PDB file of all heavy atoms in Angstrom:
ATOM      1  N   GLY A   1       0.797  -1.196  -0.073  1.00  0.00           N
ATOM      2  CA  GLY A   1       0.000   0.009  -0.022  1.00  0.00           C
ATOM      3  C   GLY A   1       0.844   1.274   0.065  1.00  0.00           C
ATOM      4  O   GLY A   1       0.412   2.305  -0.585  1.00  0.00           O
ATOM      5  N   HIS A   2       2.012   1.287   0.701  1.00  0.00           N
ATOM      6  CA  HIS A   2       2.772   2.444   0.659  1.00  0.00           C
ATOM      7  C   HIS A   2       3.337   2.803  -0.662  1.00  0.00           C
ATOM      8  O   HIS A   2       3.561   3.957  -1.074  1.00  0.00           O
ATOM      9  CB  HIS A   2       3.952   2.348   1.703  1.00  0.00           C
ATOM     10  CG  HIS A   2       5.151   1.775   1.329  1.00  0.00           C
ATOM     11  ND1 HIS A   2       5.350   0.462   1.201  1.00  0.00           N
ATOM     12  CD2 HIS A   2       6.382   2.384   1.018  1.00  0.00           C
ATOM     13  CE1 HIS A   2       6.591   0.192   0.881  1.00  0.00           C
ATOM     14  NE2 HIS A   2       7.193   1.327   0.728  1.00  0.00           N
ATOM     15  N   LEU A   3       3.541   1.740  -1.459  1.00  0.00           N
ATOM     16  CA  LEU A   3       3.985   2.001  -2.911  1.00  0.00           C
ATOM     17  C   LEU A   3       2.808   2.316  -3.735  1.00  0.00           C
ATOM     18  O   LEU A   3       2.876   3.214  -4.664  1.00  0.00           O
ATOM     19  CB  LEU A   3       4.712   0.740  -3.417  1.00  0.00           C
ATOM     20  CG  LEU A   3       6.153   0.639  -2.794  1.00  0.00           C
ATOM     21  CD1 LEU A   3       6.565  -0.863  -2.977  1.00  0.00           C
ATOM     22  CD2 LEU A   3       7.123   1.542  -3.312  1.00  0.00           C
ATOM     23  N   ALA A   4       1.581   1.656  -3.513  1.00  0.00           N
ATOM     24  CA  ALA A   4       0.422   1.966  -4.308  1.00  0.00           C
ATOM     25  C   ALA A   4       0.122   3.424  -4.179  1.00  0.00           C
ATOM     26  O   ALA A   4      -0.350   4.134  -5.174  1.00  0.00           O
ATOM     27  CB  ALA A   4      -0.749   1.077  -3.825  1.00  0.00           C
ATOM     28  N   LEU A   5       0.207   3.932  -2.956  1.00  0.00           N
ATOM     29  CA  LEU A   5      -0.138   5.409  -2.706  1.00  0.00           C
ATOM     30  C   LEU A   5       0.809   6.282  -3.531  1.00  0.00           C
ATOM     31  O   LEU A   5       0.307   7.318  -4.150  1.00  0.00           O
ATOM     32  CB  LEU A   5      -0.005   5.665  -1.166  1.00  0.00           C
ATOM     33  CG  LEU A   5      -0.286   7.015  -0.704  1.00  0.00           C
ATOM     34  CD1 LEU A   5      -1.727   7.455  -1.095  1.00  0.00           C
ATOM     35  CD2 LEU A   5      -0.121   7.132   0.778  1.00  0.00           C
ATOM     36  N   GLN A   6       2.017   5.899  -3.581  1.00  0.00           N
ATOM     37  CA  GLN A   6       2.992   6.684  -4.399  1.00  0.00           C
ATOM     38  C   GLN A   6       2.746   6.684  -5.862  1.00  0.00           C
ATOM     39  O   GLN A   6       2.731   7.694  -6.594  1.00  0.00           O
ATOM     40  CB  GLN A   6       4.437   6.242  -4.109  1.00  0.00           C
ATOM     41  CG  GLN A   6       4.881   6.514  -2.664  1.00  0.00           C
ATOM     42  CD  GLN A   6       6.248   5.956  -2.306  1.00  0.00           C
ATOM     43  OE1 GLN A   6       7.199   6.495  -2.813  1.00  0.00           O
ATOM     44  NE2 GLN A   6       6.280   4.868  -1.500  1.00  0.00           N
ATOM     45  N   TYR A   7       2.312   5.453  -6.347  1.00  0.00           N
ATOM     46  CA  TYR A   7       1.981   5.328  -7.786  1.00  0.00           C
ATOM     47  C   TYR A   7       0.749   6.063  -8.193  1.00  0.00           C
ATOM     48  O   TYR A   7       0.627   6.778  -9.239  1.00  0.00           O
ATOM     49  CB  TYR A   7       1.864   3.908  -8.171  1.00  0.00           C
ATOM     50  CG  TYR A   7       3.190   3.095  -8.112  1.00  0.00           C
ATOM     51  CD1 TYR A   7       3.256   1.938  -7.431  1.00  0.00           C
ATOM     52  CD2 TYR A   7       4.330   3.594  -8.710  1.00  0.00           C
ATOM     53  CE1 TYR A   7       4.469   1.237  -7.299  1.00  0.00           C
ATOM     54  CE2 TYR A   7       5.567   2.908  -8.637  1.00  0.00           C
ATOM     55  CZ  TYR A   7       5.513   1.673  -7.898  1.00  0.00           C
ATOM     56  OH  TYR A   7       6.775   0.997  -7.861  1.00  0.00           O
ATOM     57  N   ALA A   8      -0.279   6.073  -7.218  1.00  0.00           N
ATOM     58  CA  ALA A   8      -1.413   6.904  -7.517  1.00  0.00           C
ATOM     59  C   ALA A   8      -1.150   8.352  -7.634  1.00  0.00           C
ATOM     60  O   ALA A   8      -1.725   9.095  -8.420  1.00  0.00           O
ATOM     61  CB  ALA A   8      -2.472   6.615  -6.291  1.00  0.00           C
ATOM     62  N   ARG A   9      -0.276   8.833  -6.717  1.00  0.00           N
ATOM     63  CA  ARG A   9       0.121  10.226  -6.812  1.00  0.00           C
ATOM     64  C   ARG A   9       0.980  10.499  -8.160  1.00  0.00           C
ATOM     65  O   ARG A   9       0.798  11.590  -8.808  1.00  0.00           O
ATOM     66  CB  ARG A   9       1.087  10.637  -5.668  1.00  0.00           C
ATOM     67  CG  ARG A   9       0.290  10.439  -4.293  1.00  0.00           C
ATOM     68  CD  ARG A   9       1.051  11.028  -3.114  1.00  0.00           C
ATOM     69  NE  ARG A   9       1.127  12.442  -3.141  1.00  0.00           N
ATOM     70  CZ  ARG A   9       2.183  13.177  -3.056  1.00  0.00           C
ATOM     71  NH1 ARG A   9       3.411  12.509  -2.911  1.00  0.00           N
ATOM     72  NH2 ARG A   9       2.196  14.446  -3.050  1.00  0.00           N
ATOM     73  N   ILE A  10       1.812   9.523  -8.602  1.00  0.00           N
ATOM     74  CA  ILE A  10       2.540   9.678  -9.807  1.00  0.00           C
ATOM     75  C   ILE A  10       1.510   9.798 -11.008  1.00  0.00           C
ATOM     76  O   ILE A  10       1.820  10.610 -11.988  1.00  0.00           O
ATOM     77  CB  ILE A  10       3.506   8.597  -9.991  1.00  0.00           C
ATOM     78  CG1 ILE A  10       4.691   8.679  -9.006  1.00  0.00           C
ATOM     79  CG2 ILE A  10       4.026   8.539 -11.492  1.00  0.00           C
ATOM     80  CD1 ILE A  10       5.582   7.409  -8.975  1.00  0.00           C
ATOM     81  N   PHE A  11       0.467   8.929 -10.926  1.00  0.00           N
ATOM     82  CA  PHE A  11      -0.559   9.076 -11.902  1.00  0.00           C
ATOM     83  C   PHE A  11      -1.361  10.311 -11.919  1.00  0.00           C
ATOM     84  O   PHE A  11      -2.179  10.488 -12.863  1.00  0.00           O
ATOM     85  CB  PHE A  11      -1.496   7.805 -11.821  1.00  0.00           C
ATOM     86  CG  PHE A  11      -0.848   6.514 -12.297  1.00  0.00           C
ATOM     87  CD1 PHE A  11       0.544   6.268 -12.231  1.00  0.00           C
ATOM     88  CD2 PHE A  11      -1.729   5.528 -12.814  1.00  0.00           C
ATOM     89  CE1 PHE A  11       1.075   5.073 -12.658  1.00  0.00           C
ATOM     90  CE2 PHE A  11      -1.142   4.298 -13.277  1.00  0.00           C
ATOM     91  CZ  PHE A  11       0.282   4.109 -13.188  1.00  0.00           C
ATOM     92  N   GLY A  12      -1.273  11.199 -10.949  1.00  0.00           N
ATOM     93  CA  GLY A  12      -1.916  12.368 -10.881  1.00  0.00           C
ATOM     94  C   GLY A  12      -3.271  12.355 -10.182  1.00  0.00           C
ATOM     95  O   GLY A  12      -4.024  13.354 -10.181  1.00  0.00           O
ATOM     96  N   ALA A  13      -3.500  11.316  -9.405  1.00  0.00           N
ATOM     97  CA  ALA A  13      -4.839  11.206  -8.772  1.00  0.00           C
ATOM     98  C   ALA A  13      -4.942  11.851  -7.341  1.00  0.00           C
ATOM     99  O   ALA A  13      -3.868  12.072  -6.782  1.00  0.00           O
ATOM    100  CB  ALA A  13      -5.160   9.708  -8.627  1.00  0.00           C
ATOM    101  N   GLU A  14      -6.102  12.196  -6.981  1.00  0.00           N
ATOM    102  CA  GLU A  14      -6.334  12.574  -5.620  1.00  0.00           C
ATOM    103  C   GLU A  14      -6.432  11.293  -4.830  1.00  0.00           C
ATOM    104  O   GLU A  14      -7.060  10.337  -5.132  1.00  0.00           O
ATOM    105  CB  GLU A  14      -7.739  13.366  -5.510  1.00  0.00           C
ATOM    106  CG  GLU A  14      -8.108  13.663  -4.140  1.00  0.00           C
ATOM    107  CD  GLU A  14      -9.463  14.349  -4.086  1.00  0.00           C
ATOM    108  OE1 GLU A  14     -10.016  14.641  -5.198  1.00  0.00           O
ATOM    109  OE2 GLU A  14     -10.076  14.530  -2.996  1.00  0.00           O
ATOM    110  N   THR A  15      -5.629  11.251  -3.701  1.00  0.00           N
ATOM    111  CA  THR A  15      -5.483   9.973  -3.029  1.00  0.00           C
ATOM    112  C   THR A  15      -6.236   9.917  -1.691  1.00  0.00           C
ATOM    113  O   THR A  15      -6.197  10.886  -0.891  1.00  0.00           O
ATOM    114  CB  THR A  15      -4.029   9.647  -2.821  1.00  0.00           C
ATOM    115  OG1 THR A  15      -3.267  10.764  -2.127  1.00  0.00           O
ATOM    116  CG2 THR A  15      -3.344   9.412  -4.126  1.00  0.00           C
ATOM    117  N   ILE A  16      -6.725   8.715  -1.358  1.00  0.00           N
ATOM    118  CA  ILE A  16      -7.313   8.446  -0.053  1.00  0.00           C
ATOM    119  C   ILE A  16      -6.691   7.183   0.490  1.00  0.00           C
ATOM    120  O   ILE A  16      -6.760   6.138  -0.089  1.00  0.00           O
ATOM    121  CB  ILE A  16      -8.861   8.185  -0.283  1.00  0.00           C
ATOM    122  CG1 ILE A  16      -9.573   9.312  -1.011  1.00  0.00           C
ATOM    123  CG2 ILE A  16      -9.488   7.954   1.125  1.00  0.00           C
ATOM    124  CD1 ILE A  16     -10.977   8.981  -1.518  1.00  0.00           C
ATOM    125  N   ALA A  17      -6.137   7.304   1.618  1.00  0.00           N
ATOM    126  CA  ALA A  17      -5.440   6.191   2.295  1.00  0.00           C
ATOM    127  C   ALA A  17      -6.284   5.678   3.412  1.00  0.00           C
ATOM    128  O   ALA A  17      -6.747   6.532   4.212  1.00  0.00           O
ATOM    129  CB  ALA A  17      -4.035   6.608   2.782  1.00  0.00           C
ATOM    130  N   VAL A  18      -6.368   4.322   3.550  1.00  0.00           N
ATOM    131  CA  VAL A  18      -7.196   3.706   4.543  1.00  0.00           C
ATOM    132  C   VAL A  18      -6.355   2.730   5.374  1.00  0.00           C
ATOM    133  O   VAL A  18      -5.676   1.843   4.671  1.00  0.00           O
ATOM    134  CB  VAL A  18      -8.473   3.092   4.057  1.00  0.00           C
ATOM    135  CG1 VAL A  18      -9.251   2.457   5.210  1.00  0.00           C
ATOM    136  CG2 VAL A  18      -9.263   4.146   3.177  1.00  0.00           C
ATOM    137  N   ASP A  19      -6.364   2.688   6.619  1.00  0.00           N
ATOM    138  CA  ASP A  19      -5.796   1.685   7.438  1.00  0.00           C
ATOM    139  C   ASP A  19      -6.328   1.540   8.748  1.00  0.00           C
ATOM    140  O   ASP A  19      -7.323   2.401   9.113  1.00  0.00           O
ATOM    141  CB  ASP A  19      -4.146   1.904   7.503  1.00  0.00           C
ATOM    142  CG  ASP A  19      -3.432   0.584   7.667  1.00  0.00           C
ATOM    143  OD1 ASP A  19      -3.470   0.010   8.716  1.00  0.00           O
ATOM    144  OD2 ASP A  19      -2.894   0.152   6.667  1.00  0.00           O
ATOM    145  N   VAL A  20      -5.842   0.675   9.621  1.00  0.00           N
ATOM    146  CA  VAL A  20      -6.384   0.468  10.982  1.00  0.00           C
ATOM    147  C   VAL A  20      -5.272   0.586  12.097  1.00  0.00           C
ATOM    148  O   VAL A  20      -5.531   0.255  13.164  1.00  0.00           O
ATOM    149  CB  VAL A  20      -7.062  -0.868  11.040  1.00  0.00           C
ATOM    150  CG1 VAL A  20      -8.366  -0.929  10.150  1.00  0.00           C
ATOM    151  CG2 VAL A  20      -6.209  -2.050  10.687  1.00  0.00           C
ATOM    152  N   THR A  21      -4.105   0.990  11.738  1.00  0.00           N
ATOM    153  CA  THR A  21      -3.057   1.187  12.702  1.00  0.00           C
ATOM    154  C   THR A  21      -2.476   2.589  12.687  1.00  0.00           C
ATOM    155  O   THR A  21      -2.363   3.245  11.586  1.00  0.00           O
ATOM    156  CB  THR A  21      -1.910   0.108  12.467  1.00  0.00           C
ATOM    157  OG1 THR A  21      -1.284   0.417  11.292  1.00  0.00           O
ATOM    158  CG2 THR A  21      -2.414  -1.294  12.551  1.00  0.00           C
ATOM    159  N   ASP A  22      -2.122   3.067  13.840  1.00  0.00           N
ATOM    160  CA  ASP A  22      -1.650   4.466  13.930  1.00  0.00           C
ATOM    161  C   ASP A  22      -0.384   4.717  13.030  1.00  0.00           C
ATOM    162  O   ASP A  22      -0.207   5.813  12.455  1.00  0.00           O
ATOM    163  CB  ASP A  22      -1.289   4.801  15.395  1.00  0.00           C
ATOM    164  CG  ASP A  22      -2.563   4.838  16.198  1.00  0.00           C
ATOM    165  OD1 ASP A  22      -3.728   5.053  15.653  1.00  0.00           O
ATOM    166  OD2 ASP A  22      -2.553   4.787  17.455  1.00  0.00           O
ATOM    167  N   ASP A  23       0.569   3.707  13.077  1.00  0.00           N
ATOM    168  CA  ASP A  23       1.858   3.991  12.271  1.00  0.00           C
ATOM    169  C   ASP A  23       1.567   3.976  10.902  1.00  0.00           C
ATOM    170  O   ASP A  23       2.302   4.764  10.120  1.00  0.00           O
ATOM    171  CB  ASP A  23       2.863   2.970  12.716  1.00  0.00           C
ATOM    172  CG  ASP A  23       2.400   1.542  12.492  1.00  0.00           C
ATOM    173  OD1 ASP A  23       1.205   1.295  12.420  1.00  0.00           O
ATOM    174  OD2 ASP A  23       3.254   0.603  12.326  1.00  0.00           O
ATOM    175  N   LYS A  24       0.614   3.144  10.282  1.00  0.00           N
ATOM    176  CA  LYS A  24       0.492   3.155   8.960  1.00  0.00           C
ATOM    177  C   LYS A  24      -0.380   4.419   8.522  1.00  0.00           C
ATOM    178  O   LYS A  24      -0.136   5.007   7.398  1.00  0.00           O
ATOM    179  CB  LYS A  24      -0.412   1.885   8.501  1.00  0.00           C
ATOM    180  CG  LYS A  24       0.222   0.582   8.928  1.00  0.00           C
ATOM    181  CD  LYS A  24       1.501   0.305   8.120  1.00  0.00           C
ATOM    182  CE  LYS A  24       2.135  -0.999   8.597  1.00  0.00           C
ATOM    183  NZ  LYS A  24       1.294  -2.158   8.561  1.00  0.00           N
ATOM    184  N   LEU A  25      -1.226   4.872   9.334  1.00  0.00           N
ATOM    185  CA  LEU A  25      -1.860   6.123   9.010  1.00  0.00           C
ATOM    186  C   LEU A  25      -0.909   7.291   9.008  1.00  0.00           C
ATOM    187  O   LEU A  25      -1.019   8.215   8.135  1.00  0.00           O
ATOM    188  CB  LEU A  25      -3.035   6.422   9.981  1.00  0.00           C
ATOM    189  CG  LEU A  25      -4.183   5.308  10.045  1.00  0.00           C
ATOM    190  CD1 LEU A  25      -5.012   5.453  11.279  1.00  0.00           C
ATOM    191  CD2 LEU A  25      -5.002   5.503   8.773  1.00  0.00           C
ATOM    192  N   ALA A  26      -0.027   7.354   9.946  1.00  0.00           N
ATOM    193  CA  ALA A  26       1.021   8.326   9.903  1.00  0.00           C
ATOM    194  C   ALA A  26       1.941   8.223   8.717  1.00  0.00           C
ATOM    195  O   ALA A  26       2.352   9.235   8.129  1.00  0.00           O
ATOM    196  CB  ALA A  26       1.902   8.166  11.223  1.00  0.00           C
ATOM    197  N   LEU A  27       2.252   7.010   8.265  1.00  0.00           N
ATOM    198  CA  LEU A  27       3.066   6.792   7.082  1.00  0.00           C
ATOM    199  C   LEU A  27       2.349   7.405   5.863  1.00  0.00           C
ATOM    200  O   LEU A  27       2.959   8.035   4.959  1.00  0.00           O
ATOM    201  CB  LEU A  27       3.369   5.369   6.864  1.00  0.00           C
ATOM    202  CG  LEU A  27       4.154   4.972   5.566  1.00  0.00           C
ATOM    203  CD1 LEU A  27       5.428   5.668   5.557  1.00  0.00           C
ATOM    204  CD2 LEU A  27       4.334   3.443   5.550  1.00  0.00           C
ATOM    205  N   ALA A  28       0.988   7.165   5.798  1.00  0.00           N
ATOM    206  CA  ALA A  28       0.250   7.706   4.681  1.00  0.00           C
ATOM    207  C   ALA A  28       0.304   9.140   4.620  1.00  0.00           C
ATOM    208  O   ALA A  28       0.459   9.781   3.536  1.00  0.00           O
ATOM    209  CB  ALA A  28      -1.205   7.253   4.806  1.00  0.00           C
ATOM    210  N   ARG A  29       0.240   9.833   5.771  1.00  0.00           N
ATOM    211  CA  ARG A  29       0.346  11.303   5.752  1.00  0.00           C
ATOM    212  C   ARG A  29       1.707  11.690   5.326  1.00  0.00           C
ATOM    213  O   ARG A  29       1.898  12.697   4.594  1.00  0.00           O
ATOM    214  CB  ARG A  29       0.059  11.784   7.124  1.00  0.00           C
ATOM    215  CG  ARG A  29      -1.377  11.574   7.624  1.00  0.00           C
ATOM    216  CD  ARG A  29      -1.696  12.174   9.027  1.00  0.00           C
ATOM    217  NE  ARG A  29      -3.026  11.870   9.392  1.00  0.00           N
ATOM    218  CZ  ARG A  29      -3.320  10.913  10.282  1.00  0.00           C
ATOM    219  NH1 ARG A  29      -2.380  10.151  10.713  1.00  0.00           N
ATOM    220  NH2 ARG A  29      -4.600  10.691  10.603  1.00  0.00           N
ATOM    221  N   GLU A  30       2.766  11.058   5.756  1.00  0.00           N
ATOM    222  CA  GLU A  30       4.101  11.309   5.443  1.00  0.00           C
ATOM    223  C   GLU A  30       4.367  11.175   3.972  1.00  0.00           C
ATOM    224  O   GLU A  30       5.141  11.997   3.392  1.00  0.00           O
ATOM    225  CB  GLU A  30       5.108  10.380   6.211  1.00  0.00           C
ATOM    226  CG  GLU A  30       6.556  10.600   5.875  1.00  0.00           C
ATOM    227  CD  GLU A  30       7.386   9.580   6.650  1.00  0.00           C
ATOM    228  OE1 GLU A  30       6.962   8.941   7.562  1.00  0.00           O
ATOM    229  OE2 GLU A  30       8.580   9.465   6.223  1.00  0.00           O
ATOM    230  N   LEU A  31       3.708  10.255   3.339  1.00  0.00           N
ATOM    231  CA  LEU A  31       3.875  10.060   1.854  1.00  0.00           C
ATOM    232  C   LEU A  31       2.952  10.935   1.044  1.00  0.00           C
ATOM    233  O   LEU A  31       2.984  10.825  -0.195  1.00  0.00           O
ATOM    234  CB  LEU A  31       3.595   8.554   1.535  1.00  0.00           C
ATOM    235  CG  LEU A  31       4.661   7.504   2.122  1.00  0.00           C
ATOM    236  CD1 LEU A  31       4.121   6.113   1.867  1.00  0.00           C
ATOM    237  CD2 LEU A  31       6.023   7.810   1.530  1.00  0.00           C
ATOM    238  N   GLY A  32       2.246  11.823   1.693  1.00  0.00           N
ATOM    239  CA  GLY A  32       1.475  12.773   0.982  1.00  0.00           C
ATOM    240  C   GLY A  32       0.049  12.510   0.528  1.00  0.00           C
ATOM    241  O   GLY A  32      -0.484  13.065  -0.389  1.00  0.00           O
ATOM    242  N   ALA A  33      -0.576  11.545   1.208  1.00  0.00           N
ATOM    243  CA  ALA A  33      -2.000  11.226   0.970  1.00  0.00           C
ATOM    244  C   ALA A  33      -2.870  12.480   1.179  1.00  0.00           C
ATOM    245  O   ALA A  33      -2.740  13.221   2.073  1.00  0.00           O
ATOM    246  CB  ALA A  33      -2.495  10.012   1.886  1.00  0.00           C
ATOM    247  N   ASP A  34      -3.810  12.670   0.177  1.00  0.00           N
ATOM    248  CA  ASP A  34      -4.674  13.848   0.356  1.00  0.00           C
ATOM    249  C   ASP A  34      -5.701  13.690   1.439  1.00  0.00           C
ATOM    250  O   ASP A  34      -6.097  14.574   2.071  1.00  0.00           O
ATOM    251  CB  ASP A  34      -5.437  14.027  -1.016  1.00  0.00           C
ATOM    252  CG  ASP A  34      -4.424  14.411  -2.111  1.00  0.00           C
ATOM    253  OD1 ASP A  34      -3.747  15.427  -2.002  1.00  0.00           O
ATOM    254  OD2 ASP A  34      -4.362  13.674  -3.160  1.00  0.00           O
ATOM    255  N   HIS A  35      -6.122  12.448   1.735  1.00  0.00           N
ATOM    256  CA  HIS A  35      -7.121  12.101   2.727  1.00  0.00           C
ATOM    257  C   HIS A  35      -6.636  10.853   3.481  1.00  0.00           C
ATOM    258  O   HIS A  35      -6.218   9.882   2.742  1.00  0.00           O
ATOM    259  CB  HIS A  35      -8.547  11.922   2.142  1.00  0.00           C
ATOM    260  CG  HIS A  35      -8.937  13.040   1.234  1.00  0.00           C
ATOM    261  ND1 HIS A  35      -9.407  14.223   1.641  1.00  0.00           N
ATOM    262  CD2 HIS A  35      -8.963  13.072  -0.172  1.00  0.00           C
ATOM    263  CE1 HIS A  35      -9.762  14.956   0.612  1.00  0.00           C
ATOM    264  NE2 HIS A  35      -9.529  14.278  -0.540  1.00  0.00           N
ATOM    265  N   VAL A  36      -6.743  10.818   4.723  1.00  0.00           N
ATOM    266  CA  VAL A  36      -6.384   9.585   5.517  1.00  0.00           C
ATOM    267  C   VAL A  36      -7.523   9.199   6.434  1.00  0.00           C
ATOM    268  O   VAL A  36      -8.016  10.005   7.144  1.00  0.00           O
ATOM    269  CB  VAL A  36      -5.155   9.932   6.376  1.00  0.00           C
ATOM    270  CG1 VAL A  36      -4.742   8.647   7.147  1.00  0.00           C
ATOM    271  CG2 VAL A  36      -4.006  10.288   5.461  1.00  0.00           C
ATOM    272  N   LEU A  37      -7.929   7.931   6.273  1.00  0.00           N
ATOM    273  CA  LEU A  37      -9.164   7.428   6.988  1.00  0.00           C
ATOM    274  C   LEU A  37      -8.755   6.253   7.884  1.00  0.00           C
ATOM    275  O   LEU A  37      -8.014   5.408   7.499  1.00  0.00           O
ATOM    276  CB  LEU A  37     -10.197   7.073   6.062  1.00  0.00           C
ATOM    277  CG  LEU A  37     -10.797   8.112   5.134  1.00  0.00           C
ATOM    278  CD1 LEU A  37     -11.804   7.453   4.207  1.00  0.00           C
ATOM    279  CD2 LEU A  37     -11.426   9.244   5.838  1.00  0.00           C
ATOM    280  N   ASP A  38      -9.225   6.365   9.147  1.00  0.00           N
ATOM    281  CA  ASP A  38      -8.976   5.288  10.071  1.00  0.00           C
ATOM    282  C   ASP A  38     -10.289   4.331  10.087  1.00  0.00           C
ATOM    283  O   ASP A  38     -11.335   4.798  10.549  1.00  0.00           O
ATOM    284  CB  ASP A  38      -8.810   5.955  11.482  1.00  0.00           C
ATOM    285  CG  ASP A  38      -8.346   4.885  12.537  1.00  0.00           C
ATOM    286  OD1 ASP A  38      -8.685   3.679  12.311  1.00  0.00           O
ATOM    287  OD2 ASP A  38      -7.847   5.282  13.509  1.00  0.00           O
ATOM    288  N   ALA A  39     -10.113   3.177   9.535  1.00  0.00           N
ATOM    289  CA  ALA A  39     -11.275   2.318   9.451  1.00  0.00           C
ATOM    290  C   ALA A  39     -11.787   1.824  10.795  1.00  0.00           C
ATOM    291  O   ALA A  39     -12.888   1.278  10.884  1.00  0.00           O
ATOM    292  CB  ALA A  39     -10.914   1.107   8.560  1.00  0.00           C
ATOM    293  N   ARG A  40     -11.072   1.931  11.898  1.00  0.00           N
ATOM    294  CA  ARG A  40     -11.467   1.572  13.128  1.00  0.00           C
ATOM    295  C   ARG A  40     -12.526   2.501  13.703  1.00  0.00           C
ATOM    296  O   ARG A  40     -13.415   2.064  14.490  1.00  0.00           O
ATOM    297  CB  ARG A  40     -10.260   1.579  14.181  1.00  0.00           C
ATOM    298  CG  ARG A  40      -9.137   0.593  13.872  1.00  0.00           C
ATOM    299  CD  ARG A  40      -7.998   0.941  14.830  1.00  0.00           C
ATOM    300  NE  ARG A  40      -7.396   2.158  14.538  1.00  0.00           N
ATOM    301  CZ  ARG A  40      -6.306   2.641  15.071  1.00  0.00           C
ATOM    302  NH1 ARG A  40      -5.585   1.866  15.826  1.00  0.00           N
ATOM    303  NH2 ARG A  40      -5.799   3.856  14.792  1.00  0.00           N
ATOM    304  N   THR A  41     -12.458   3.740  13.272  1.00  0.00           N
ATOM    305  CA  THR A  41     -13.319   4.788  13.946  1.00  0.00           C
ATOM    306  C   THR A  41     -14.256   5.473  12.924  1.00  0.00           C
ATOM    307  O   THR A  41     -15.151   6.259  13.240  1.00  0.00           O
ATOM    308  CB  THR A  41     -12.440   5.845  14.642  1.00  0.00           C
ATOM    309  OG1 THR A  41     -11.639   6.477  13.783  1.00  0.00           O
ATOM    310  CG2 THR A  41     -11.744   5.237  15.803  1.00  0.00           C
ATOM    311  N   GLN A  42     -13.957   5.280  11.620  1.00  0.00           N
ATOM    312  CA  GLN A  42     -14.690   6.029  10.595  1.00  0.00           C
ATOM    313  C   GLN A  42     -15.352   5.016   9.686  1.00  0.00           C
ATOM    314  O   GLN A  42     -14.879   3.885   9.384  1.00  0.00           O
ATOM    315  CB  GLN A  42     -13.837   6.908   9.858  1.00  0.00           C
ATOM    316  CG  GLN A  42     -13.159   8.046  10.623  1.00  0.00           C
ATOM    317  CD  GLN A  42     -12.137   8.850   9.858  1.00  0.00           C
ATOM    318  OE1 GLN A  42     -11.034   8.382   9.690  1.00  0.00           O
ATOM    319  NE2 GLN A  42     -12.486  10.010   9.258  1.00  0.00           N
ATOM    320  N   ASP A  43     -16.500   5.376   9.090  1.00  0.00           N
ATOM    321  CA  ASP A  43     -17.227   4.640   8.126  1.00  0.00           C
ATOM    322  C   ASP A  43     -16.639   4.974   6.815  1.00  0.00           C
ATOM    323  O   ASP A  43     -16.873   6.082   6.222  1.00  0.00           O
ATOM    324  CB  ASP A  43     -18.773   4.949   8.188  1.00  0.00           C
ATOM    325  CG  ASP A  43     -19.504   4.259   7.107  1.00  0.00           C
ATOM    326  OD1 ASP A  43     -19.014   3.778   6.071  1.00  0.00           O
ATOM    327  OD2 ASP A  43     -20.739   3.893   7.417  1.00  0.00           O
TER     328      ASP A  43
END
């Protein structure tokens, strides 16, 4: 997923990252995800 997120950005897409652990959500933000969702607490 951390690579998929980077390829989606290379392709020019608006990106939404979803995970259930704090460190992976932090990694998504570090890698530049436009939106980050925590599936533990969000629909």
